[in-house]
């Protein structure tokens, strides 16, 4: 049990690699055509499913959500950025409270740590909830997102045409 240096392990790993290289190579050559055929069928089906999903998503958005203007989109993105800065500032204040807790002899350290932890936790939860709602609103109504969806749909159509040969 005393042979746990790198030389000992290197010897046995190298020996195992030499021993298993031929059987694994043979196995790979025998199974490659089967896996390749399965993957080509599977990937064509995956492209079809993805294309259908993207088309349905775009149709749903166009039916149920009014597109906002590019100015409104920029304003929403600015609000998200500003909110992120404010949230990061609050989190850094919590971290700063932890850092200076040793310098404040009047207030017990445990109370400051609890306050800081609570500040960071509540801030994180609020940030996640609020920004997920704003991002969801923006994603559903953004003209930029719809443009990207249309581009993805066209790309998937091209991939499918290339794969099927039509």
C-alpha atoms as a PDB file:
ATOM      1  CA  UNK A   1       0.000   0.000   0.000  1.00  0.00           C
ATOM      2  CA  UNK A   2       3.014   2.295   0.011  1.00  0.00           C
ATOM      3  CA  UNK A   3       3.142   2.652  -3.800  1.00  0.00           C
ATOM      4  CA  UNK A   4       1.020   5.767  -4.170  1.00  0.00           C
ATOM      5  CA  UNK A   5       3.521   8.054  -5.871  1.00  0.00           C
ATOM      6  CA  UNK A   6       2.914   9.405  -9.385  1.00  0.00           C
ATOM      7  CA  UNK A   7       5.402   7.071 -11.020  1.00  0.00           C
ATOM      8  CA  UNK A   8       3.568   3.981  -9.788  1.00  0.00           C
ATOM      9  CA  UNK A   9       0.170   5.324 -10.926  1.00  0.00           C
ATOM     10  CA  UNK A  10       1.607   6.455 -14.258  1.00  0.00           C
ATOM     11  CA  UNK A  11       3.015   2.990 -14.929  1.00  0.00           C
ATOM     12  CA  UNK A  12      -0.331   1.240 -14.311  1.00  0.00           C
ATOM     13  CA  UNK A  13      -2.417   3.786 -16.203  1.00  0.00           C
ATOM     14  CA  UNK A  14      -0.052   3.535 -19.181  1.00  0.00           C
ATOM     15  CA  UNK A  15      -0.136  -0.273 -19.069  1.00  0.00           C
ATOM     16  CA  UNK A  16      -3.961  -0.250 -18.932  1.00  0.00           C
ATOM     17  CA  UNK A  17      -4.072   2.188 -21.867  1.00  0.00           C
ATOM     18  CA  UNK A  18      -1.860  -0.085 -23.972  1.00  0.00           C
ATOM     19  CA  UNK A  19      -3.842  -3.179 -22.985  1.00  0.00           C
ATOM     20  CA  UNK A  20      -7.277  -1.681 -23.700  1.00  0.00           C
ATOM     21  CA  UNK A  21      -6.389   0.350 -26.820  1.00  0.00           C
ATOM     22  CA  UNK A  22      -6.963  -2.478 -29.331  1.00  0.00           C
ATOM     23  CA  UNK A  23     -10.294  -3.766 -27.929  1.00  0.00           C
ATOM     24  CA  UNK A  24     -11.660  -0.236 -27.584  1.00  0.00           C
ATOM     25  CA  UNK A  25     -10.527   0.658 -31.109  1.00  0.00           C
ATOM     26  CA  UNK A  26     -12.200  -2.462 -32.470  1.00  0.00           C
ATOM     27  CA  UNK A  27     -15.386  -1.681 -30.542  1.00  0.00           C
ATOM     28  CA  UNK A  28     -15.393   1.906 -31.872  1.00  0.00           C
ATOM     29  CA  UNK A  29     -14.966   0.765 -35.470  1.00  0.00           C
ATOM     30  CA  UNK A  30     -17.754  -1.801 -35.177  1.00  0.00           C
ATOM     31  CA  UNK A  31     -20.277   0.544 -33.591  1.00  0.00           C
ATOM     32  CA  UNK A  32     -19.482   3.784 -35.473  1.00  0.00           C
ATOM     33  CA  UNK A  33     -21.753   3.171 -38.512  1.00  0.00           C
ATOM     34  CA  UNK A  34     -24.709   2.267 -36.292  1.00  0.00           C
ATOM     35  CA  UNK A  35     -24.239   5.321 -34.102  1.00  0.00           C
ATOM     36  CA  UNK A  36     -23.711   7.564 -37.131  1.00  0.00           C
ATOM     37  CA  UNK A  37     -26.955   6.381 -38.768  1.00  0.00           C
ATOM     38  CA  UNK A  38     -28.876   6.753 -35.511  1.00  0.00           C
ATOM     39  CA  UNK A  39     -27.456  10.228 -34.953  1.00  0.00           C
ATOM     40  CA  UNK A  40     -28.301  11.428 -38.457  1.00  0.00           C
ATOM     41  CA  UNK A  41     -31.926  10.319 -38.090  1.00  0.00           C
ATOM     42  CA  UNK A  42     -32.104  11.675 -34.568  1.00  0.00           C
ATOM     43  CA  UNK A  43     -30.580  15.016 -35.448  1.00  0.00           C
ATOM     44  CA  UNK A  44     -32.947  15.478 -38.398  1.00  0.00           C
ATOM     45  CA  UNK A  45     -35.871  14.808 -36.088  1.00  0.00           C
ATOM     46  CA  UNK A  46     -34.356  17.185 -33.528  1.00  0.00           C
ATOM     47  CA  UNK A  47     -34.069  19.929 -36.160  1.00  0.00           C
ATOM     48  CA  UNK A  48     -37.701  19.365 -37.193  1.00  0.00           C
ATOM     49  CA  UNK A  49     -38.846  19.504 -33.558  1.00  0.00           C
ATOM     50  CA  UNK A  50     -36.807  22.644 -32.877  1.00  0.00           C
ATOM     51  CA  UNK A  51     -38.113  24.312 -36.039  1.00  0.00           C
ATOM     52  CA  UNK A  52     -41.689  23.476 -35.080  1.00  0.00           C
ATOM     53  CA  UNK A  53     -41.131  24.752 -31.524  1.00  0.00           C
ATOM     54  CA  UNK A  54     -39.623  28.042 -32.713  1.00  0.00           C
ATOM     55  CA  UNK A  55     -42.406  28.560 -35.246  1.00  0.00           C
ATOM     56  CA  UNK A  56     -45.059  27.882 -32.600  1.00  0.00           C
ATOM     57  CA  UNK A  57     -43.343  30.252 -30.158  1.00  0.00           C
ATOM     58  CA  UNK A  58     -43.202  33.058 -32.709  1.00  0.00           C
ATOM     59  CA  UNK A  59     -46.848  32.521 -33.685  1.00  0.00           C
ATOM     60  CA  UNK A  60     -47.893  32.514 -30.015  1.00  0.00           C
ATOM     61  CA  UNK A  61     -46.035  35.750 -29.312  1.00  0.00           C
ATOM     62  CA  UNK A  62     -47.494  37.459 -32.360  1.00  0.00           C
ATOM     63  CA  UNK A  63     -51.016  36.355 -31.390  1.00  0.00           C
ATOM     64  CA  UNK A  64     -50.894  37.221 -27.684  1.00  0.00           C
ATOM     65  CA  UNK A  65     -48.371  40.043 -27.192  1.00  0.00           C
ATOM     66  CA  UNK A  66     -48.173  43.471 -28.748  1.00  0.00           C
ATOM     67  CA  UNK A  67     -44.696  44.435 -29.914  1.00  0.00           C
ATOM     68  CA  UNK A  68     -43.116  47.326 -28.019  1.00  0.00           C
ATOM     69  CA  UNK A  69     -41.125  50.002 -29.810  1.00  0.00           C
ATOM     70  CA  UNK A  70     -37.346  49.947 -29.909  1.00  0.00           C
ATOM     71  CA  UNK A  71     -37.287  53.008 -27.629  1.00  0.00           C
ATOM     72  CA  UNK A  72     -39.394  51.211 -25.026  1.00  0.00           C
ATOM     73  CA  UNK A  73     -37.089  48.210 -25.312  1.00  0.00           C
ATOM     74  CA  UNK A  74     -34.020  50.380 -24.695  1.00  0.00           C
ATOM     75  CA  UNK A  75     -35.718  52.028 -21.699  1.00  0.00           C
ATOM     76  CA  UNK A  76     -36.579  48.608 -20.214  1.00  0.00           C
ATOM     77  CA  UNK A  77     -33.018  47.391 -20.704  1.00  0.00           C
ATOM     78  CA  UNK A  78     -31.790  50.581 -19.015  1.00  0.00           C
ATOM     79  CA  UNK A  79     -34.119  49.956 -16.068  1.00  0.00           C
ATOM     80  CA  UNK A  80     -32.770  46.413 -15.799  1.00  0.00           C
ATOM     81  CA  UNK A  81     -29.189  47.731 -15.842  1.00  0.00           C
ATOM     82  CA  UNK A  82     -29.940  50.412 -13.251  1.00  0.00           C
ATOM     83  CA  UNK A  83     -31.739  47.890 -11.053  1.00  0.00           C
ATOM     84  CA  UNK A  84     -28.744  45.575 -11.297  1.00  0.00           C
ATOM     85  CA  UNK A  85     -26.419  48.380 -10.174  1.00  0.00           C
ATOM     86  CA  UNK A  86     -28.664  49.255  -7.221  1.00  0.00           C
ATOM     87  CA  UNK A  87     -28.968  45.593  -6.270  1.00  0.00           C
ATOM     88  CA  UNK A  88     -25.207  45.106  -6.461  1.00  0.00           C
ATOM     89  CA  UNK A  89     -24.749  48.195  -4.275  1.00  0.00           C
ATOM     90  CA  UNK A  90     -27.080  46.751  -1.642  1.00  0.00           C
ATOM     91  CA  UNK A  91     -25.265  43.412  -1.764  1.00  0.00           C
ATOM     92  CA  UNK A  92     -21.903  45.180  -1.395  1.00  0.00           C
ATOM     93  CA  UNK A  93     -23.246  47.088   1.620  1.00  0.00           C
ATOM     94  CA  UNK A  94     -24.104  43.742   3.190  1.00  0.00           C
ATOM     95  CA  UNK A  95     -20.627  42.459   2.431  1.00  0.00           C
ATOM     96  CA  UNK A  96     -19.131  45.680   3.816  1.00  0.00           C
ATOM     97  CA  UNK A  97     -21.123  45.173   7.026  1.00  0.00           C
ATOM     98  CA  UNK A  98     -19.531  41.765   7.373  1.00  0.00           C
ATOM     99  CA  UNK A  99     -16.093  43.243   6.735  1.00  0.00           C
ATOM    100  CA  UNK A 100     -16.347  46.047   9.295  1.00  0.00           C
ATOM    101  CA  UNK A 101     -18.152  44.005  11.940  1.00  0.00           C
ATOM    102  CA  UNK A 102     -14.882  43.622  13.858  1.00  0.00           C
ATOM    103  CA  UNK A 103     -14.367  47.388  13.902  1.00  0.00           C
ATOM    104  CA  UNK A 104     -17.706  48.145  15.569  1.00  0.00           C
ATOM    105  CA  UNK A 105     -17.323  47.194  19.237  1.00  0.00           C
ATOM    106  CA  UNK A 106     -20.677  48.676  20.254  1.00  0.00           C
ATOM    107  CA  UNK A 107     -22.860  46.343  18.160  1.00  0.00           C
ATOM    108  CA  UNK A 108     -22.468  42.594  18.696  1.00  0.00           C
ATOM    109  CA  UNK A 109     -20.816  40.836  15.752  1.00  0.00           C
ATOM    110  CA  UNK A 110     -23.548  38.214  15.461  1.00  0.00           C
ATOM    111  CA  UNK A 111     -26.225  40.885  15.025  1.00  0.00           C
ATOM    112  CA  UNK A 112     -24.266  42.550  12.204  1.00  0.00           C
ATOM    113  CA  UNK A 113     -23.613  39.220  10.495  1.00  0.00           C
ATOM    114  CA  UNK A 114     -27.304  38.342  10.680  1.00  0.00           C
ATOM    115  CA  UNK A 115     -28.274  41.758   9.332  1.00  0.00           C
ATOM    116  CA  UNK A 116     -25.773  41.487   6.493  1.00  0.00           C
ATOM    117  CA  UNK A 117     -26.819  37.956   5.612  1.00  0.00           C
ATOM    118  CA  UNK A 118     -30.475  38.912   5.687  1.00  0.00           C
ATOM    119  CA  UNK A 119     -29.779  41.970   3.501  1.00  0.00           C
ATOM    120  CA  UNK A 120     -27.927  39.891   0.923  1.00  0.00           C
ATOM    121  CA  UNK A 121     -30.553  37.110   0.914  1.00  0.00           C
ATOM    122  CA  UNK A 122     -33.571  39.430   0.615  1.00  0.00           C
ATOM    123  CA  UNK A 123     -31.791  41.454  -2.048  1.00  0.00           C
ATOM    124  CA  UNK A 124     -31.022  38.313  -4.072  1.00  0.00           C
ATOM    125  CA  UNK A 125     -34.585  37.024  -3.858  1.00  0.00           C
ATOM    126  CA  UNK A 126     -36.056  40.416  -4.774  1.00  0.00           C
ATOM    127  CA  UNK A 127     -33.618  40.843  -7.641  1.00  0.00           C
ATOM    128  CA  UNK A 128     -34.408  37.399  -9.041  1.00  0.00           C
ATOM    129  CA  UNK A 129     -38.173  37.864  -8.787  1.00  0.00           C
ATOM    130  CA  UNK A 130     -38.290  41.397 -10.161  1.00  0.00           C
ATOM    131  CA  UNK A 131     -35.816  40.931 -12.975  1.00  0.00           C
ATOM    132  CA  UNK A 132     -37.337  37.633 -14.055  1.00  0.00           C
ATOM    133  CA  UNK A 133     -40.692  39.407 -14.459  1.00  0.00           C
ATOM    134  CA  UNK A 134     -39.178  42.328 -16.371  1.00  0.00           C
ATOM    135  CA  UNK A 135     -37.113  40.005 -18.575  1.00  0.00           C
ATOM    136  CA  UNK A 136     -40.163  37.858 -19.282  1.00  0.00           C
ATOM    137  CA  UNK A 137     -42.159  40.962 -20.242  1.00  0.00           C
ATOM    138  CA  UNK A 138     -39.293  42.167 -22.437  1.00  0.00           C
ATOM    139  CA  UNK A 139     -38.709  38.771 -24.069  1.00  0.00           C
ATOM    140  CA  UNK A 140     -42.375  38.385 -25.016  1.00  0.00           C
ATOM    141  CA  UNK A 141     -42.736  41.862 -26.534  1.00  0.00           C
ATOM    142  CA  UNK A 142     -39.287  42.771 -27.847  1.00  0.00           C
ATOM    143  CA  UNK A 143     -38.923  43.426 -31.586  1.00  0.00           C
ATOM    144  CA  UNK A 144     -35.286  42.356 -31.335  1.00  0.00           C
ATOM    145  CA  UNK A 145     -36.221  38.979 -29.864  1.00  0.00           C
ATOM    146  CA  UNK A 146     -38.787  38.397 -32.611  1.00  0.00           C
ATOM    147  CA  UNK A 147     -36.184  39.262 -35.218  1.00  0.00           C
ATOM    148  CA  UNK A 148     -33.814  36.719 -33.644  1.00  0.00           C
ATOM    149  CA  UNK A 149     -36.608  34.127 -33.615  1.00  0.00           C
ATOM    150  CA  UNK A 150     -37.240  34.684 -37.326  1.00  0.00           C
ATOM    151  CA  UNK A 151     -33.500  34.342 -38.023  1.00  0.00           C
ATOM    152  CA  UNK A 152     -33.318  31.099 -36.017  1.00  0.00           C
ATOM    153  CA  UNK A 153     -36.322  29.732 -37.896  1.00  0.00           C
ATOM    154  CA  UNK A 154     -34.658  30.507 -41.231  1.00  0.00           C
ATOM    155  CA  UNK A 155     -31.406  28.925 -40.028  1.00  0.00           C
ATOM    156  CA  UNK A 156     -33.223  25.754 -38.955  1.00  0.00           C
ATOM    157  CA  UNK A 157     -35.026  25.616 -42.320  1.00  0.00           C
ATOM    158  CA  UNK A 158     -31.670  25.822 -44.098  1.00  0.00           C
ATOM    159  CA  UNK A 159     -30.209  23.098 -41.856  1.00  0.00           C
ATOM    160  CA  UNK A 160     -33.192  20.869 -42.529  1.00  0.00           C
ATOM    161  CA  UNK A 161     -33.030  21.494 -46.288  1.00  0.00           C
ATOM    162  CA  UNK A 162     -29.310  20.679 -46.290  1.00  0.00           C
ATOM    163  CA  UNK A 163     -29.864  17.508 -44.295  1.00  0.00           C
ATOM    164  CA  UNK A 164     -32.800  16.261 -46.381  1.00  0.00           C
ATOM    165  CA  UNK A 165     -31.266  17.365 -49.676  1.00  0.00           C
ATOM    166  CA  UNK A 166     -34.261  19.394 -50.813  1.00  0.00           C
END
